[in-house]
Amino acid sequence: MVESLLFIIMSLITIVCALCVVFQKNPIYSAVFLIQTMVSLAVLYVLLHAEFVAAVQVMVYAGAIMVIFVFVIMLLNLNKDEVESSRDKLPMQKKPAIMLGSVLIVMIGIIMTRTIFKVKAGEYSPEVVDQIGNTQLIGKMLFTKYVLPFEIASIILFAAIVGAIVLAKKQIIKDEDL
């Protein structure tokens, strides 16, 4: 009973913090809410008995990746006035964003209902996971079956960091010319 109540509370905190990430105007505050979202997800992982994933969530995402995000935000030196003026330059993006967001929510709902109502026994039952070990199973799956998505995610993160540095360098060159 207590575990279910804690799960509901942490789920609500995660959802509220994720919404604050999206709707926050200040990028630093948005990054802080993203850190809280990552920590709340780690608590949810602990409640699901995935302690290794929770530890990785806190160390890698809430720690290292968020430090990189905050560094990039500081490097770009975004002011509130610049962010608000850049939003006015693209007035046509609000309607397509709402439409695509709605499509995404409907797709997630369809997938969840199909998954919930068609539950079948997988290759790894809880007994097999307890016997092998959570960490060993994650490592095996990550470097065998899911190696391509894992590497693609690392390339995307690297490209985002390089892009942020290039944008910051252009801003520095522009400031030096003035």
N, C-alpha and C. Protein backbone atom coordinates (compact mmCIF):
# COMPACT_ATOMS: atom_id res chain seq x y z
N MET A 1 0.82 -1.20 0.00
CA MET A 1 0.00 0.00 0.00
C MET A 1 0.86 1.26 0.00
N VAL A 2 1.87 1.29 0.86
CA VAL A 2 2.76 2.45 0.93
C VAL A 2 3.55 2.58 -0.37
N GLU A 3 3.96 1.44 -0.91
CA GLU A 3 4.73 1.46 -2.16
C GLU A 3 3.89 2.01 -3.31
N SER A 4 2.63 1.64 -3.37
CA SER A 4 1.73 2.15 -4.42
C SER A 4 1.51 3.65 -4.25
N LEU A 5 1.32 4.10 -3.03
CA LEU A 5 1.13 5.52 -2.78
C LEU A 5 2.38 6.32 -3.15
N LEU A 6 3.55 5.81 -2.80
CA LEU A 6 4.80 6.47 -3.15
C LEU A 6 4.98 6.51 -4.67
N PHE A 7 4.59 5.43 -5.35
CA PHE A 7 4.69 5.38 -6.80
C PHE A 7 3.80 6.46 -7.43
N ILE A 8 2.59 6.61 -6.93
CA ILE A 8 1.67 7.62 -7.47
C ILE A 8 2.21 9.03 -7.21
N ILE A 9 2.70 9.27 -6.01
CA ILE A 9 3.24 10.60 -5.68
C ILE A 9 4.45 10.92 -6.55
N MET A 10 5.37 9.98 -6.70
CA MET A 10 6.57 10.23 -7.52
C MET A 10 6.20 10.37 -9.00
N SER A 11 5.19 9.65 -9.44
CA SER A 11 4.74 9.79 -10.83
C SER A 11 4.20 11.19 -11.07
N LEU A 12 3.40 11.69 -10.13
CA LEU A 12 2.87 13.04 -10.28
C LEU A 12 3.98 14.09 -10.24
N ILE A 13 4.95 13.91 -9.35
CA ILE A 13 6.08 14.84 -9.30
C ILE A 13 6.86 14.81 -10.62
N THR A 14 7.06 13.62 -11.17
CA THR A 14 7.77 13.50 -12.44
C THR A 14 7.02 14.20 -13.56
N ILE A 15 5.71 14.03 -13.62
CA ILE A 15 4.92 14.65 -14.67
C ILE A 15 4.93 16.18 -14.53
N VAL A 16 4.76 16.67 -13.31
CA VAL A 16 4.75 18.13 -13.09
C VAL A 16 6.11 18.72 -13.45
N CYS A 17 7.19 18.07 -13.04
CA CYS A 17 8.53 18.59 -13.35
C CYS A 17 8.80 18.54 -14.86
N ALA A 18 8.33 17.50 -15.53
CA ALA A 18 8.52 17.42 -16.98
C ALA A 18 7.75 18.52 -17.69
N LEU A 19 6.55 18.82 -17.21
CA LEU A 19 5.80 19.93 -17.79
C LEU A 19 6.49 21.26 -17.52
N CYS A 20 7.07 21.43 -16.35
CA CYS A 20 7.81 22.65 -16.03
C CYS A 20 9.04 22.80 -16.92
N VAL A 21 9.66 21.69 -17.30
CA VAL A 21 10.81 21.75 -18.22
C VAL A 21 10.37 22.36 -19.55
N VAL A 22 9.21 21.94 -20.02
CA VAL A 22 8.75 22.40 -21.33
C VAL A 22 8.27 23.84 -21.29
N PHE A 23 7.56 24.22 -20.24
CA PHE A 23 6.92 25.53 -20.21
C PHE A 23 7.73 26.61 -19.50
N GLN A 24 8.89 26.28 -18.97
CA GLN A 24 9.73 27.25 -18.28
C GLN A 24 10.42 28.15 -19.31
N LYS A 25 10.43 29.45 -19.08
CA LYS A 25 11.04 30.38 -20.03
C LYS A 25 12.54 30.52 -19.82
N ASN A 26 13.00 30.39 -18.58
CA ASN A 26 14.42 30.51 -18.27
C ASN A 26 15.08 29.15 -18.48
N PRO A 27 16.11 29.07 -19.33
CA PRO A 27 16.74 27.77 -19.62
C PRO A 27 17.41 27.12 -18.41
N ILE A 28 17.92 27.92 -17.49
CA ILE A 28 18.56 27.35 -16.29
C ILE A 28 17.51 26.69 -15.41
N TYR A 29 16.37 27.37 -15.21
CA TYR A 29 15.29 26.77 -14.42
C TYR A 29 14.78 25.50 -15.09
N SER A 30 14.71 25.54 -16.41
CA SER A 30 14.29 24.35 -17.15
C SER A 30 15.25 23.19 -16.92
N ALA A 31 16.54 23.47 -16.89
CA ALA A 31 17.53 22.43 -16.63
C ALA A 31 17.40 21.89 -15.20
N VAL A 32 17.09 22.77 -14.24
CA VAL A 32 16.91 22.32 -12.86
C VAL A 32 15.69 21.41 -12.76
N PHE A 33 14.61 21.77 -13.43
CA PHE A 33 13.43 20.90 -13.43
C PHE A 33 13.72 19.57 -14.14
N LEU A 34 14.58 19.60 -15.15
CA LEU A 34 14.96 18.36 -15.81
C LEU A 34 15.75 17.46 -14.87
N ILE A 35 16.61 18.04 -14.05
CA ILE A 35 17.34 17.26 -13.06
C ILE A 35 16.36 16.62 -12.08
N GLN A 36 15.37 17.38 -11.63
CA GLN A 36 14.37 16.82 -10.71
C GLN A 36 13.57 15.72 -11.39
N THR A 37 13.29 15.87 -12.67
CA THR A 37 12.59 14.81 -13.40
C THR A 37 13.43 13.54 -13.44
N MET A 38 14.72 13.69 -13.68
CA MET A 38 15.61 12.52 -13.72
C MET A 38 15.70 11.83 -12.35
N VAL A 39 15.77 12.60 -11.29
CA VAL A 39 15.84 12.02 -9.94
C VAL A 39 14.52 11.32 -9.60
N SER A 40 13.40 11.92 -9.98
CA SER A 40 12.10 11.28 -9.74
C SER A 40 11.98 9.99 -10.51
N LEU A 41 12.49 9.96 -11.73
CA LEU A 41 12.49 8.72 -12.50
C LEU A 41 13.35 7.66 -11.83
N ALA A 42 14.46 8.08 -11.24
CA ALA A 42 15.31 7.13 -10.53
C ALA A 42 14.57 6.51 -9.35
N VAL A 43 13.78 7.31 -8.65
CA VAL A 43 12.99 6.76 -7.54
C VAL A 43 11.97 5.77 -8.08
N LEU A 44 11.37 6.07 -9.21
CA LEU A 44 10.43 5.12 -9.81
C LEU A 44 11.13 3.81 -10.19
N TYR A 45 12.36 3.91 -10.69
CA TYR A 45 13.11 2.70 -11.01
C TYR A 45 13.39 1.87 -9.75
N VAL A 46 13.70 2.54 -8.65
CA VAL A 46 13.93 1.82 -7.40
C VAL A 46 12.66 1.10 -6.97
N LEU A 47 11.53 1.77 -7.12
CA LEU A 47 10.26 1.14 -6.76
C LEU A 47 9.94 -0.05 -7.65
N LEU A 48 10.49 -0.07 -8.86
CA LEU A 48 10.29 -1.19 -9.78
C LEU A 48 11.39 -2.25 -9.63
N HIS A 49 12.21 -2.11 -8.60
CA HIS A 49 13.30 -3.05 -8.29
C HIS A 49 14.37 -3.09 -9.38
N ALA A 50 14.63 -1.95 -9.97
CA ALA A 50 15.70 -1.82 -10.95
C ALA A 50 16.74 -0.85 -10.40
N GLU A 51 17.44 -1.28 -9.37
CA GLU A 51 18.36 -0.40 -8.65
C GLU A 51 19.52 0.07 -9.51
N PHE A 52 20.04 -0.81 -10.36
CA PHE A 52 21.16 -0.44 -11.21
C PHE A 52 20.75 0.66 -12.19
N VAL A 53 19.58 0.52 -12.78
CA VAL A 53 19.10 1.54 -13.72
C VAL A 53 18.89 2.86 -12.98
N ALA A 54 18.41 2.81 -11.73
CA ALA A 54 18.23 4.02 -10.94
C ALA A 54 19.57 4.70 -10.67
N ALA A 55 20.57 3.92 -10.32
CA ALA A 55 21.90 4.48 -10.06
C ALA A 55 22.49 5.10 -11.32
N VAL A 56 22.33 4.44 -12.44
CA VAL A 56 22.83 4.98 -13.71
C VAL A 56 22.06 6.24 -14.08
N GLN A 57 20.77 6.25 -13.82
CA GLN A 57 19.94 7.42 -14.09
C GLN A 57 20.46 8.64 -13.34
N VAL A 58 20.78 8.47 -12.08
CA VAL A 58 21.26 9.60 -11.28
C VAL A 58 22.68 9.98 -11.68
N MET A 59 23.57 9.00 -11.81
CA MET A 59 24.97 9.33 -12.10
C MET A 59 25.15 9.88 -13.51
N VAL A 60 24.57 9.22 -14.50
CA VAL A 60 24.82 9.62 -15.88
C VAL A 60 23.94 10.79 -16.29
N TYR A 61 22.63 10.66 -16.12
CA TYR A 61 21.74 11.70 -16.64
C TYR A 61 21.63 12.90 -15.70
N ALA A 62 21.29 12.67 -14.45
CA ALA A 62 21.14 13.80 -13.53
C ALA A 62 22.49 14.41 -13.21
N GLY A 63 23.56 13.65 -13.35
CA GLY A 63 24.89 14.15 -13.06
C GLY A 63 25.58 14.68 -14.29
N ALA A 64 26.13 13.78 -15.07
CA ALA A 64 27.01 14.16 -16.17
C ALA A 64 26.30 14.88 -17.31
N ILE A 65 25.21 14.34 -17.80
CA ILE A 65 24.52 14.96 -18.94
C ILE A 65 23.98 16.33 -18.56
N MET A 66 23.44 16.47 -17.36
CA MET A 66 22.90 17.76 -16.96
C MET A 66 24.01 18.80 -16.76
N VAL A 67 25.17 18.37 -16.33
CA VAL A 67 26.30 19.30 -16.25
C VAL A 67 26.65 19.80 -17.65
N ILE A 68 26.61 18.92 -18.62
CA ILE A 68 26.88 19.32 -20.01
C ILE A 68 25.80 20.28 -20.49
N PHE A 69 24.53 19.99 -20.19
CA PHE A 69 23.45 20.88 -20.61
C PHE A 69 23.61 22.27 -20.00
N VAL A 70 23.89 22.33 -18.72
CA VAL A 70 24.06 23.62 -18.05
C VAL A 70 25.28 24.34 -18.62
N PHE A 71 26.35 23.61 -18.90
CA PHE A 71 27.54 24.20 -19.51
C PHE A 71 27.21 24.79 -20.87
N VAL A 72 26.45 24.08 -21.68
CA VAL A 72 26.08 24.57 -23.00
C VAL A 72 25.17 25.79 -22.88
N ILE A 73 24.24 25.77 -21.94
CA ILE A 73 23.37 26.93 -21.73
C ILE A 73 24.20 28.15 -21.34
N MET A 74 25.15 27.95 -20.44
CA MET A 74 26.01 29.06 -20.03
C MET A 74 26.91 29.51 -21.18
N LEU A 75 27.37 28.56 -21.98
CA LEU A 75 28.23 28.88 -23.11
C LEU A 75 27.49 29.70 -24.15
N LEU A 76 26.23 29.36 -24.39
CA LEU A 76 25.44 30.10 -25.37
C LEU A 76 25.02 31.46 -24.85
N ASN A 77 25.01 31.63 -23.52
CA ASN A 77 24.69 32.91 -22.88
C ASN A 77 23.35 33.45 -23.36
N LEU A 78 22.30 32.64 -23.21
CA LEU A 78 20.97 33.04 -23.64
C LEU A 78 20.36 33.99 -22.62
N ASN A 79 19.95 35.13 -23.09
CA ASN A 79 19.24 36.07 -22.24
C ASN A 79 17.74 35.87 -22.41
N LYS A 80 16.98 36.30 -21.42
CA LYS A 80 15.53 36.14 -21.47
C LYS A 80 14.96 36.95 -22.63
N ASP A 81 15.51 38.13 -22.90
CA ASP A 81 15.01 38.97 -23.99
C ASP A 81 15.25 38.31 -25.34
N GLU A 82 16.43 37.67 -25.51
CA GLU A 82 16.74 37.01 -26.76
C GLU A 82 15.84 35.81 -26.99
N VAL A 83 15.55 35.06 -25.93
CA VAL A 83 14.69 33.89 -26.06
C VAL A 83 13.28 34.31 -26.45
N GLU A 84 12.76 35.36 -25.80
CA GLU A 84 11.41 35.83 -26.10
C GLU A 84 11.33 36.43 -27.50
N SER A 85 12.36 37.15 -27.94
CA SER A 85 12.33 37.73 -29.29
C SER A 85 12.47 36.65 -30.35
N SER A 86 13.19 35.57 -30.06
CA SER A 86 13.32 34.49 -31.05
C SER A 86 12.03 33.70 -31.16
N ARG A 87 11.21 33.69 -30.11
CA ARG A 87 9.91 33.01 -30.20
C ARG A 87 8.97 33.75 -31.12
N ASP A 88 9.08 35.07 -31.17
CA ASP A 88 8.20 35.86 -32.02
C ASP A 88 8.54 35.70 -33.49
N LYS A 89 9.73 35.27 -33.81
CA LYS A 89 10.15 35.12 -35.19
C LYS A 89 9.49 33.93 -35.87
N LEU A 90 9.01 32.97 -35.11
CA LEU A 90 8.39 31.78 -35.68
C LEU A 90 6.94 31.63 -35.18
N PRO A 91 6.05 32.51 -35.62
CA PRO A 91 4.68 32.44 -35.11
C PRO A 91 3.91 31.24 -35.64
N MET A 92 4.36 30.67 -36.74
CA MET A 92 3.64 29.56 -37.36
C MET A 92 3.98 28.21 -36.73
N GLN A 93 4.85 28.17 -35.77
CA GLN A 93 5.26 26.88 -35.24
C GLN A 93 4.35 26.39 -34.11
N LYS A 94 3.50 27.23 -33.55
CA LYS A 94 2.67 26.83 -32.42
C LYS A 94 1.61 25.81 -32.83
N LYS A 95 0.89 26.06 -33.91
CA LYS A 95 -0.18 25.14 -34.34
C LYS A 95 0.37 23.77 -34.75
N PRO A 96 1.43 23.70 -35.58
CA PRO A 96 1.97 22.37 -35.89
C PRO A 96 2.52 21.64 -34.67
N ALA A 97 3.08 22.40 -33.71
CA ALA A 97 3.61 21.75 -32.51
C ALA A 97 2.47 21.15 -31.69
N ILE A 98 1.36 21.86 -31.56
CA ILE A 98 0.22 21.32 -30.83
C ILE A 98 -0.35 20.11 -31.56
N MET A 99 -0.41 20.18 -32.88
CA MET A 99 -0.94 19.07 -33.66
C MET A 99 -0.05 17.84 -33.55
N LEU A 100 1.25 18.02 -33.69
CA LEU A 100 2.17 16.89 -33.59
C LEU A 100 2.23 16.33 -32.17
N GLY A 101 2.12 17.21 -31.17
CA GLY A 101 2.06 16.74 -29.79
C GLY A 101 0.82 15.90 -29.54
N SER A 102 -0.31 16.32 -30.11
CA SER A 102 -1.55 15.54 -29.96
C SER A 102 -1.43 14.19 -30.65
N VAL A 103 -0.82 14.17 -31.82
CA VAL A 103 -0.61 12.90 -32.52
C VAL A 103 0.29 11.98 -31.69
N LEU A 104 1.32 12.55 -31.09
CA LEU A 104 2.22 11.76 -30.25
C LEU A 104 1.48 11.17 -29.05
N ILE A 105 0.64 11.97 -28.41
CA ILE A 105 -0.12 11.48 -27.26
C ILE A 105 -1.06 10.36 -27.67
N VAL A 106 -1.74 10.51 -28.82
CA VAL A 106 -2.64 9.45 -29.30
C VAL A 106 -1.85 8.17 -29.61
N MET A 107 -0.67 8.32 -30.24
CA MET A 107 0.14 7.14 -30.56
C MET A 107 0.61 6.44 -29.29
N ILE A 108 1.03 7.20 -28.30
CA ILE A 108 1.45 6.60 -27.03
C ILE A 108 0.28 5.87 -26.38
N GLY A 109 -0.91 6.48 -26.43
CA GLY A 109 -2.10 5.83 -25.87
C GLY A 109 -2.44 4.53 -26.57
N ILE A 110 -2.34 4.52 -27.89
CA ILE A 110 -2.63 3.30 -28.65
C ILE A 110 -1.63 2.21 -28.32
N ILE A 111 -0.37 2.56 -28.28
CA ILE A 111 0.67 1.57 -27.97
C ILE A 111 0.51 1.04 -26.56
N MET A 112 0.19 1.93 -25.62
CA MET A 112 0.02 1.47 -24.24
C MET A 112 -1.18 0.54 -24.10
N THR A 113 -2.28 0.87 -24.75
CA THR A 113 -3.45 -0.03 -24.64
C THR A 113 -3.17 -1.37 -25.29
N ARG A 114 -2.49 -1.38 -26.40
CA ARG A 114 -2.14 -2.67 -27.03
C ARG A 114 -1.18 -3.47 -26.15
N THR A 115 -0.26 -2.78 -25.51
CA THR A 115 0.71 -3.46 -24.66
C THR A 115 0.05 -3.98 -23.39
N ILE A 116 -0.80 -3.18 -22.79
CA ILE A 116 -1.43 -3.58 -21.53
C ILE A 116 -2.37 -4.75 -21.74
N PHE A 117 -3.15 -4.71 -22.81
CA PHE A 117 -4.15 -5.75 -23.01
C PHE A 117 -3.59 -7.01 -23.67
N LYS A 118 -2.41 -6.95 -24.23
CA LYS A 118 -1.81 -8.12 -24.87
C LYS A 118 -0.49 -8.47 -24.20
N VAL A 119 -0.53 -8.67 -22.92
CA VAL A 119 0.68 -9.01 -22.19
C VAL A 119 0.97 -10.49 -22.40
N LYS A 120 2.19 -10.76 -22.83
CA LYS A 120 2.60 -12.15 -22.98
C LYS A 120 3.93 -12.34 -22.27
N ALA A 121 4.17 -13.57 -21.91
CA ALA A 121 5.39 -13.87 -21.17
C ALA A 121 6.59 -13.63 -22.07
N GLY A 122 7.55 -12.91 -21.55
CA GLY A 122 8.75 -12.62 -22.32
C GLY A 122 9.84 -13.65 -22.09
N GLU A 123 10.96 -13.38 -22.69
CA GLU A 123 12.11 -14.28 -22.57
C GLU A 123 12.68 -14.25 -21.16
N TYR A 124 12.56 -13.11 -20.51
CA TYR A 124 13.16 -12.96 -19.19
C TYR A 124 12.07 -12.75 -18.13
N SER A 125 11.73 -13.81 -17.46
CA SER A 125 10.76 -13.73 -16.38
C SER A 125 11.46 -13.19 -15.13
N PRO A 126 10.69 -12.78 -14.12
CA PRO A 126 11.34 -12.27 -12.89
C PRO A 126 12.28 -13.29 -12.26
N GLU A 127 11.97 -14.57 -12.38
CA GLU A 127 12.86 -15.59 -11.81
C GLU A 127 14.19 -15.63 -12.55
N VAL A 128 14.14 -15.52 -13.89
CA VAL A 128 15.37 -15.53 -14.69
C VAL A 128 16.20 -14.28 -14.39
N VAL A 129 15.53 -13.14 -14.24
CA VAL A 129 16.24 -11.90 -13.93
C VAL A 129 16.91 -12.00 -12.57
N ASP A 130 16.22 -12.57 -11.59
CA ASP A 130 16.81 -12.74 -10.26
C ASP A 130 18.01 -13.68 -10.31
N GLN A 131 17.94 -14.70 -11.16
CA GLN A 131 19.03 -15.68 -11.25
C GLN A 131 20.25 -15.07 -11.96
N ILE A 132 20.03 -14.40 -13.08
CA ILE A 132 21.14 -13.83 -13.85
C ILE A 132 21.68 -12.59 -13.16
N GLY A 133 20.78 -11.73 -12.73
CA GLY A 133 21.19 -10.45 -12.14
C GLY A 133 20.79 -9.33 -13.07
N ASN A 134 20.28 -8.29 -12.49
CA ASN A 134 19.78 -7.15 -13.24
C ASN A 134 20.88 -6.47 -14.05
N THR A 135 22.01 -6.23 -13.44
CA THR A 135 23.10 -5.52 -14.10
C THR A 135 23.68 -6.33 -15.26
N GLN A 136 23.89 -7.59 -15.07
CA GLN A 136 24.45 -8.44 -16.12
C GLN A 136 23.48 -8.54 -17.29
N LEU A 137 22.20 -8.64 -17.01
CA LEU A 137 21.20 -8.73 -18.07
C LEU A 137 21.14 -7.43 -18.88
N ILE A 138 21.19 -6.30 -18.19
CA ILE A 138 21.17 -5.01 -18.90
C ILE A 138 22.41 -4.88 -19.79
N GLY A 139 23.57 -5.23 -19.26
CA GLY A 139 24.80 -5.17 -20.06
C GLY A 139 24.74 -6.08 -21.27
N LYS A 140 24.23 -7.28 -21.09
CA LYS A 140 24.12 -8.23 -22.19
C LYS A 140 23.19 -7.70 -23.28
N MET A 141 22.04 -7.17 -22.87
CA MET A 141 21.08 -6.67 -23.85
C MET A 141 21.60 -5.39 -24.52
N LEU A 142 22.28 -4.54 -23.75
CA LEU A 142 22.75 -3.27 -24.28
C LEU A 142 23.84 -3.45 -25.33
N PHE A 143 24.69 -4.44 -25.15
CA PHE A 143 25.81 -4.62 -26.07
C PHE A 143 25.61 -5.76 -27.05
N THR A 144 24.42 -6.34 -27.10
CA THR A 144 24.12 -7.35 -28.12
C THR A 144 22.92 -6.91 -28.94
N LYS A 145 21.75 -6.99 -28.36
CA LYS A 145 20.51 -6.72 -29.09
C LYS A 145 20.30 -5.23 -29.37
N TYR A 146 20.69 -4.37 -28.44
CA TYR A 146 20.42 -2.94 -28.57
C TYR A 146 21.68 -2.11 -28.76
N VAL A 147 22.70 -2.66 -29.39
CA VAL A 147 23.95 -1.93 -29.58
C VAL A 147 23.78 -0.78 -30.58
N LEU A 148 23.00 -0.98 -31.63
CA LEU A 148 22.81 0.08 -32.63
C LEU A 148 22.09 1.30 -32.05
N PRO A 149 20.94 1.14 -31.36
CA PRO A 149 20.32 2.33 -30.75
C PRO A 149 21.21 2.99 -29.70
N PHE A 150 21.99 2.19 -28.98
CA PHE A 150 22.91 2.74 -27.98
C PHE A 150 23.95 3.62 -28.64
N GLU A 151 24.52 3.17 -29.73
CA GLU A 151 25.55 3.95 -30.43
C GLU A 151 24.94 5.16 -31.13
N ILE A 152 23.74 5.02 -31.67
CA ILE A 152 23.08 6.16 -32.31
C ILE A 152 22.80 7.26 -31.29
N ALA A 153 22.38 6.87 -30.09
CA ALA A 153 22.13 7.86 -29.04
C ALA A 153 23.42 8.60 -28.67
N SER A 154 24.54 7.88 -28.62
CA SER A 154 25.81 8.54 -28.29
C SER A 154 26.24 9.50 -29.40
N ILE A 155 26.00 9.14 -30.65
CA ILE A 155 26.35 10.02 -31.77
C ILE A 155 25.48 11.27 -31.77
N ILE A 156 24.19 11.12 -31.45
CA ILE A 156 23.29 12.27 -31.40
C ILE A 156 23.71 13.22 -30.29
N LEU A 157 24.06 12.69 -29.12
CA LEU A 157 24.53 13.55 -28.03
C LEU A 157 25.81 14.28 -28.41
N PHE A 158 26.72 13.58 -29.07
CA PHE A 158 27.97 14.20 -29.50
C PHE A 158 27.70 15.31 -30.52
N ALA A 159 26.79 15.06 -31.47
CA ALA A 159 26.45 16.07 -32.47
C ALA A 159 25.81 17.29 -31.83
N ALA A 160 24.98 17.08 -30.80
CA ALA A 160 24.35 18.20 -30.12
C ALA A 160 25.38 19.06 -29.40
N ILE A 161 26.37 18.43 -28.79
CA ILE A 161 27.41 19.19 -28.10
C ILE A 161 28.26 19.97 -29.10
N VAL A 162 28.63 19.35 -30.21
CA VAL A 162 29.42 20.04 -31.24
C VAL A 162 28.62 21.21 -31.82
N GLY A 163 27.32 20.99 -32.06
CA GLY A 163 26.47 22.06 -32.57
C GLY A 163 26.38 23.24 -31.63
N ALA A 164 26.27 22.95 -30.34
CA ALA A 164 26.20 24.03 -29.35
C ALA A 164 27.51 24.81 -29.31
N ILE A 165 28.62 24.13 -29.43
CA ILE A 165 29.92 24.81 -29.43
C ILE A 165 30.08 25.67 -30.68
N VAL A 166 29.63 25.17 -31.83
CA VAL A 166 29.71 25.95 -33.07
C VAL A 166 28.84 27.19 -32.95
N LEU A 167 27.63 27.04 -32.41
CA LEU A 167 26.76 28.21 -32.23
C LEU A 167 27.38 29.23 -31.29
N ALA A 168 27.99 28.76 -30.22
CA ALA A 168 28.63 29.66 -29.27
C ALA A 168 29.81 30.36 -29.90
N LYS A 169 30.58 29.65 -30.73
CA LYS A 169 31.73 30.25 -31.39
C LYS A 169 31.30 31.34 -32.37
N LYS A 170 30.18 31.11 -33.09
CA LYS A 170 29.67 32.14 -33.99
C LYS A 170 29.28 33.38 -33.20
N GLN A 171 28.66 33.19 -32.05
CA GLN A 171 28.26 34.33 -31.21
C GLN A 171 29.47 35.09 -30.71
N ILE A 172 30.54 34.39 -30.34
CA ILE A 172 31.75 35.04 -29.86
C ILE A 172 32.41 35.83 -30.98
N ILE A 173 32.45 35.27 -32.18
CA ILE A 173 33.05 35.97 -33.33
C ILE A 173 32.22 37.21 -33.65
N LYS A 174 30.88 37.09 -33.60
CA LYS A 174 30.02 38.22 -33.88
C LYS A 174 30.22 39.34 -32.86
N ASP A 175 30.39 38.98 -31.60
CA ASP A 175 30.61 39.97 -30.54
C ASP A 175 31.97 40.66 -30.69
N GLU A 176 32.98 39.91 -31.16
CA GLU A 176 34.31 40.50 -31.33
C GLU A 176 34.33 41.49 -32.49
N ASP A 177 33.50 41.24 -33.54
CA ASP A 177 33.46 42.15 -34.69
C ASP A 177 32.83 43.49 -34.33
N LEU A 178 31.97 43.51 -33.33
CA LEU A 178 31.31 44.77 -32.94
C LEU A 178 32.25 45.59 -32.15
